[in-house]
């Protein structure tokens, strides 16, 4: 039984999922912190695209 516990403890199969989840959480947190700046950036990009489209 102790051998099974040691093998389970050393197993790293699920580490990739945990790392990806933490990266997603950090990205979402950064977006929430800088939401206003991100919204303004996206709005400016779409305005620029729209202006260039109208000039064609």
PDB file of N, CA and C in Angstrom:
ATOM      1  N   UNK A   1       0.821  -1.191   0.000  1.00  0.00           N
ATOM      2  CA  UNK A   1       0.000   0.000   0.000  1.00  0.00           C
ATOM      3  C   UNK A   1       0.868   1.259   0.000  1.00  0.00           C
ATOM      4  N   UNK A   2       1.920   1.250   0.768  1.00  0.00           N
ATOM      5  CA  UNK A   2       2.826   2.396   0.830  1.00  0.00           C
ATOM      6  C   UNK A   2       3.479   2.640  -0.526  1.00  0.00           C
ATOM      7  N   UNK A   3       3.767   1.554  -1.258  1.00  0.00           N
ATOM      8  CA  UNK A   3       4.361   1.674  -2.588  1.00  0.00           C
ATOM      9  C   UNK A   3       3.404   2.376  -3.552  1.00  0.00           C
ATOM     10  N   UNK A   4       2.106   2.068  -3.458  1.00  0.00           N
ATOM     11  CA  UNK A   4       1.102   2.721  -4.304  1.00  0.00           C
ATOM     12  C   UNK A   4       1.022   4.223  -4.004  1.00  0.00           C
ATOM     13  N   UNK A   5       1.107   4.569  -2.755  1.00  0.00           N
ATOM     14  CA  UNK A   5       1.046   5.980  -2.362  1.00  0.00           C
ATOM     15  C   UNK A   5       2.267   6.730  -2.886  1.00  0.00           C
ATOM     16  N   UNK A   6       3.443   6.104  -2.808  1.00  0.00           N
ATOM     17  CA  UNK A   6       4.653   6.739  -3.310  1.00  0.00           C
ATOM     18  C   UNK A   6       4.574   6.953  -4.818  1.00  0.00           C
ATOM     19  N   UNK A   7       4.077   5.945  -5.552  1.00  0.00           N
ATOM     20  CA  UNK A   7       3.938   6.083  -7.007  1.00  0.00           C
ATOM     21  C   UNK A   7       2.929   7.177  -7.357  1.00  0.00           C
ATOM     22  N   UNK A   8       1.822   7.235  -6.629  1.00  0.00           N
ATOM     23  CA  UNK A   8       0.817   8.257  -6.874  1.00  0.00           C
ATOM     24  C   UNK A   8       1.395   9.645  -6.629  1.00  0.00           C
ATOM     25  N   UNK A   9       2.199   9.787  -5.599  1.00  0.00           N
ATOM     26  CA  UNK A   9       2.783  11.080  -5.248  1.00  0.00           C
ATOM     27  C   UNK A   9       3.772  11.551  -6.316  1.00  0.00           C
ATOM     28  N   UNK A  10       4.502  10.603  -6.934  1.00  0.00           N
ATOM     29  CA  UNK A  10       5.505  10.955  -7.937  1.00  0.00           C
ATOM     30  C   UNK A  10       4.907  11.123  -9.334  1.00  0.00           C
ATOM     31  N   UNK A  11       3.670  10.724  -9.550  1.00  0.00           N
ATOM     32  CA  UNK A  11       3.024  10.828 -10.842  1.00  0.00           C
ATOM     33  C   UNK A  11       2.836  12.287 -11.219  1.00  0.00           C
ATOM     34  N   UNK A  12       3.108  12.623 -12.486  1.00  0.00           N
ATOM     35  CA  UNK A  12       2.998  14.008 -12.923  1.00  0.00           C
ATOM     36  C   UNK A  12       2.066  14.152 -14.118  1.00  0.00           C
ATOM     37  N   UNK A  13       1.177  13.226 -14.347  1.00  0.00           N
ATOM     38  CA  UNK A  13       0.300  13.275 -15.511  1.00  0.00           C
ATOM     39  C   UNK A  13      -0.643  14.467 -15.482  1.00  0.00           C
ATOM     40  N   UNK A  14      -1.153  14.819 -14.320  1.00  0.00           N
ATOM     41  CA  UNK A  14      -2.119  15.903 -14.227  1.00  0.00           C
ATOM     42  C   UNK A  14      -1.505  17.286 -14.111  1.00  0.00           C
ATOM     43  N   UNK A  15      -0.203  17.382 -14.079  1.00  0.00           N
ATOM     44  CA  UNK A  15       0.441  18.677 -13.883  1.00  0.00           C
ATOM     45  C   UNK A  15       0.188  19.619 -15.053  1.00  0.00           C
ATOM     46  N   UNK A  16       0.098  19.119 -16.272  1.00  0.00           N
ATOM     47  CA  UNK A  16      -0.137  19.967 -17.425  1.00  0.00           C
ATOM     48  C   UNK A  16      -1.460  20.697 -17.322  1.00  0.00           C
ATOM     49  N   UNK A  17      -2.481  20.004 -16.879  1.00  0.00           N
ATOM     50  CA  UNK A  17      -3.808  20.602 -16.743  1.00  0.00           C
ATOM     51  C   UNK A  17      -3.780  21.697 -15.683  1.00  0.00           C
ATOM     52  N   UNK A  18      -3.114  21.446 -14.581  1.00  0.00           N
ATOM     53  CA  UNK A  18      -3.032  22.440 -13.505  1.00  0.00           C
ATOM     54  C   UNK A  18      -2.280  23.676 -13.987  1.00  0.00           C
ATOM     55  N   UNK A  19      -1.197  23.477 -14.706  1.00  0.00           N
ATOM     56  CA  UNK A  19      -0.417  24.607 -15.198  1.00  0.00           C
ATOM     57  C   UNK A  19      -1.224  25.440 -16.186  1.00  0.00           C
ATOM     58  N   UNK A  20      -1.937  24.790 -17.091  1.00  0.00           N
ATOM     59  CA  UNK A  20      -2.767  25.511 -18.057  1.00  0.00           C
ATOM     60  C   UNK A  20      -3.867  26.288 -17.339  1.00  0.00           C
ATOM     61  N   UNK A  21      -4.485  25.670 -16.346  1.00  0.00           N
ATOM     62  CA  UNK A  21      -5.542  26.349 -15.594  1.00  0.00           C
ATOM     63  C   UNK A  21      -4.990  27.582 -14.882  1.00  0.00           C
ATOM     64  N   UNK A  22      -3.809  27.482 -14.305  1.00  0.00           N
ATOM     65  CA  UNK A  22      -3.206  28.640 -13.625  1.00  0.00           C
ATOM     66  C   UNK A  22      -2.868  29.751 -14.611  1.00  0.00           C
ATOM     67  N   UNK A  23      -2.387  29.393 -15.791  1.00  0.00           N
ATOM     68  CA  UNK A  23      -2.083  30.402 -16.803  1.00  0.00           C
ATOM     69  C   UNK A  23      -3.356  31.124 -17.231  1.00  0.00           C
ATOM     70  N   UNK A  24      -4.437  30.371 -17.438  1.00  0.00           N
ATOM     71  CA  UNK A  24      -5.714  30.979 -17.819  1.00  0.00           C
ATOM     72  C   UNK A  24      -6.212  31.911 -16.723  1.00  0.00           C
ATOM     73  N   UNK A  25      -6.089  31.489 -15.476  1.00  0.00           N
ATOM     74  CA  UNK A  25      -6.525  32.331 -14.352  1.00  0.00           C
ATOM     75  C   UNK A  25      -5.730  33.633 -14.310  1.00  0.00           C
ATOM     76  N   UNK A  26      -4.436  33.559 -14.540  1.00  0.00           N
ATOM     77  CA  UNK A  26      -3.601  34.762 -14.533  1.00  0.00           C
ATOM     78  C   UNK A  26      -3.995  35.692 -15.683  1.00  0.00           C
ATOM     79  N   UNK A  27      -4.227  35.138 -16.872  1.00  0.00           N
ATOM     80  CA  UNK A  27      -4.617  35.960 -18.020  1.00  0.00           C
ATOM     81  C   UNK A  27      -5.955  36.649 -17.763  1.00  0.00           C
ATOM     82  N   UNK A  28      -6.915  35.899 -17.233  1.00  0.00           N
ATOM     83  CA  UNK A  28      -8.226  36.480 -16.924  1.00  0.00           C
ATOM     84  C   UNK A  28      -8.072  37.579 -15.872  1.00  0.00           C
ATOM     85  N   UNK A  29      -7.241  37.358 -14.878  1.00  0.00           N
ATOM     86  CA  UNK A  29      -7.009  38.375 -13.848  1.00  0.00           C
ATOM     87  C   UNK A  29      -6.415  39.644 -14.418  1.00  0.00           C
ATOM     88  N   UNK A  30      -5.455  39.505 -15.328  1.00  0.00           N
ATOM     89  CA  UNK A  30      -4.836  40.678 -15.956  1.00  0.00           C
ATOM     90  C   UNK A  30      -5.868  41.432 -16.789  1.00  0.00           C
ATOM     91  N   UNK A  31      -6.693  40.693 -17.533  1.00  0.00           N
ATOM     92  CA  UNK A  31      -7.731  41.339 -18.345  1.00  0.00           C
ATOM     93  C   UNK A  31      -8.724  42.079 -17.463  1.00  0.00           C
ATOM     94  N   UNK A  32      -9.086  41.485 -16.332  1.00  0.00           N
ATOM     95  CA  UNK A  32     -10.023  42.149 -15.419  1.00  0.00           C
ATOM     96  C   UNK A  32      -9.393  43.418 -14.833  1.00  0.00           C
ATOM     97  N   UNK A  33      -8.116  43.348 -14.473  1.00  0.00           N
ATOM     98  CA  UNK A  33      -7.441  44.519 -13.906  1.00  0.00           C
ATOM     99  C   UNK A  33      -7.343  45.662 -14.910  1.00  0.00           C
ATOM    100  N   UNK A  34      -7.082  45.324 -16.165  1.00  0.00           N
ATOM    101  CA  UNK A  34      -6.876  46.348 -17.182  1.00  0.00           C
ATOM    102  C   UNK A  34      -8.028  46.380 -18.186  1.00  0.00           C
ATOM    103  N   UNK A  35      -9.223  46.066 -17.714  1.00  0.00           N
ATOM    104  CA  UNK A  35     -10.393  45.966 -18.587  1.00  0.00           C
ATOM    105  C   UNK A  35     -10.647  47.259 -19.353  1.00  0.00           C
ATOM    106  N   UNK A  36     -10.584  48.385 -18.671  1.00  0.00           N
ATOM    107  CA  UNK A  36     -10.854  49.665 -19.333  1.00  0.00           C
ATOM    108  C   UNK A  36      -9.849  49.937 -20.448  1.00  0.00           C
ATOM    109  N   UNK A  37      -8.592  49.677 -20.185  1.00  0.00           N
ATOM    110  CA  UNK A  37      -7.562  49.914 -21.199  1.00  0.00           C
ATOM    111  C   UNK A  37      -7.711  48.957 -22.378  1.00  0.00           C
ATOM    112  N   UNK A  38      -8.068  47.704 -22.099  1.00  0.00           N
ATOM    113  CA  UNK A  38      -8.265  46.725 -23.166  1.00  0.00           C
ATOM    114  C   UNK A  38      -9.463  47.112 -24.018  1.00  0.00           C
ATOM    115  N   UNK A  39     -10.556  47.542 -23.383  1.00  0.00           N
ATOM    116  CA  UNK A  39     -11.739  47.977 -24.134  1.00  0.00           C
ATOM    117  C   UNK A  39     -11.415  49.172 -25.020  1.00  0.00           C
ATOM    118  N   UNK A  40     -10.663  50.145 -24.496  1.00  0.00           N
ATOM    119  CA  UNK A  40     -10.305  51.322 -25.282  1.00  0.00           C
ATOM    120  C   UNK A  40      -9.403  50.929 -26.446  1.00  0.00           C
ATOM    121  N   UNK A  41      -8.470  50.034 -26.216  1.00  0.00           N
ATOM    122  CA  UNK A  41      -7.571  49.582 -27.275  1.00  0.00           C
ATOM    123  C   UNK A  41      -8.352  48.906 -28.400  1.00  0.00           C
ATOM    124  N   UNK A  42      -9.262  48.014 -28.037  1.00  0.00           N
ATOM    125  CA  UNK A  42     -10.068  47.314 -29.044  1.00  0.00           C
ATOM    126  C   UNK A  42     -10.965  48.305 -29.788  1.00  0.00           C
ATOM    127  N   UNK A  43     -11.549  49.236 -29.063  1.00  0.00           N
ATOM    128  CA  UNK A  43     -12.407  50.246 -29.686  1.00  0.00           C
ATOM    129  C   UNK A  43     -11.606  51.090 -30.679  1.00  0.00           C
ATOM    130  N   UNK A  44     -10.411  51.504 -30.303  1.00  0.00           N
ATOM    131  CA  UNK A  44      -9.567  52.292 -31.206  1.00  0.00           C
ATOM    132  C   UNK A  44      -9.186  51.496 -32.454  1.00  0.00           C
ATOM    133  N   UNK A  45      -8.901  50.223 -32.281  1.00  0.00           N
ATOM    134  CA  UNK A  45      -8.544  49.375 -33.424  1.00  0.00           C
ATOM    135  C   UNK A  45      -9.713  49.283 -34.401  1.00  0.00           C
ATOM    136  N   UNK A  46     -10.922  49.053 -33.874  1.00  0.00           N
ATOM    137  CA  UNK A  46     -12.083  48.942 -34.755  1.00  0.00           C
ATOM    138  C   UNK A  46     -12.421  50.281 -35.420  1.00  0.00           C
ATOM    139  N   UNK A  47     -12.230  51.399 -34.720  1.00  0.00           N
ATOM    140  CA  UNK A  47     -12.454  52.707 -35.334  1.00  0.00           C
ATOM    141  C   UNK A  47     -11.484  52.933 -36.490  1.00  0.00           C
ATOM    142  N   UNK A  48     -10.236  52.546 -36.274  1.00  0.00           N
ATOM    143  CA  UNK A  48      -9.220  52.701 -37.318  1.00  0.00           C
ATOM    144  C   UNK A  48      -9.567  51.838 -38.527  1.00  0.00           C
ATOM    145  N   UNK A  49      -9.974  50.607 -38.287  1.00  0.00           N
ATOM    146  CA  UNK A  49     -10.363  49.711 -39.369  1.00  0.00           C
ATOM    147  C   UNK A  49     -11.554  50.289 -40.125  1.00  0.00           C
ATOM    148  N   UNK A  50     -12.532  50.794 -39.390  1.00  0.00           N
ATOM    149  CA  UNK A  50     -13.740  51.361 -40.000  1.00  0.00           C
ATOM    150  C   UNK A  50     -13.393  52.596 -40.835  1.00  0.00           C
ATOM    151  N   UNK A  51     -12.536  53.458 -40.316  1.00  0.00           N
ATOM    152  CA  UNK A  51     -12.124  54.660 -41.059  1.00  0.00           C
ATOM    153  C   UNK A  51     -11.389  54.309 -42.342  1.00  0.00           C
ATOM    154  N   UNK A  52     -10.499  53.323 -42.272  1.00  0.00           N
ATOM    155  CA  UNK A  52      -9.767  52.898 -43.462  1.00  0.00           C
ATOM    156  C   UNK A  52     -10.705  52.231 -44.466  1.00  0.00           C
ATOM    157  N   UNK A  53     -11.691  51.512 -43.979  1.00  0.00           N
ATOM    158  CA  UNK A  53     -12.654  50.856 -44.859  1.00  0.00           C
ATOM    159  C   UNK A  53     -13.511  51.899 -45.594  1.00  0.00           C
ATOM    160  N   UNK A  54     -13.916  52.950 -44.892  1.00  0.00           N
ATOM    161  CA  UNK A  54     -14.729  54.002 -45.501  1.00  0.00           C
ATOM    162  C   UNK A  54     -13.944  54.803 -46.529  1.00  0.00           C
ATOM    163  N   UNK A  55     -12.657  54.919 -46.353  1.00  0.00           N
ATOM    164  CA  UNK A  55     -11.851  55.690 -47.295  1.00  0.00           C
ATOM    165  C   UNK A  55     -11.564  54.937 -48.589  1.00  0.00           C
ATOM    166  N   UNK A  56     -11.824  53.656 -48.615  1.00  0.00           N
ATOM    167  CA  UNK A  56     -11.560  52.854 -49.830  1.00  0.00           C
ATOM    168  C   UNK A  56     -12.673  52.943 -50.797  1.00  0.00           C
TER     169      UNK A  56
END
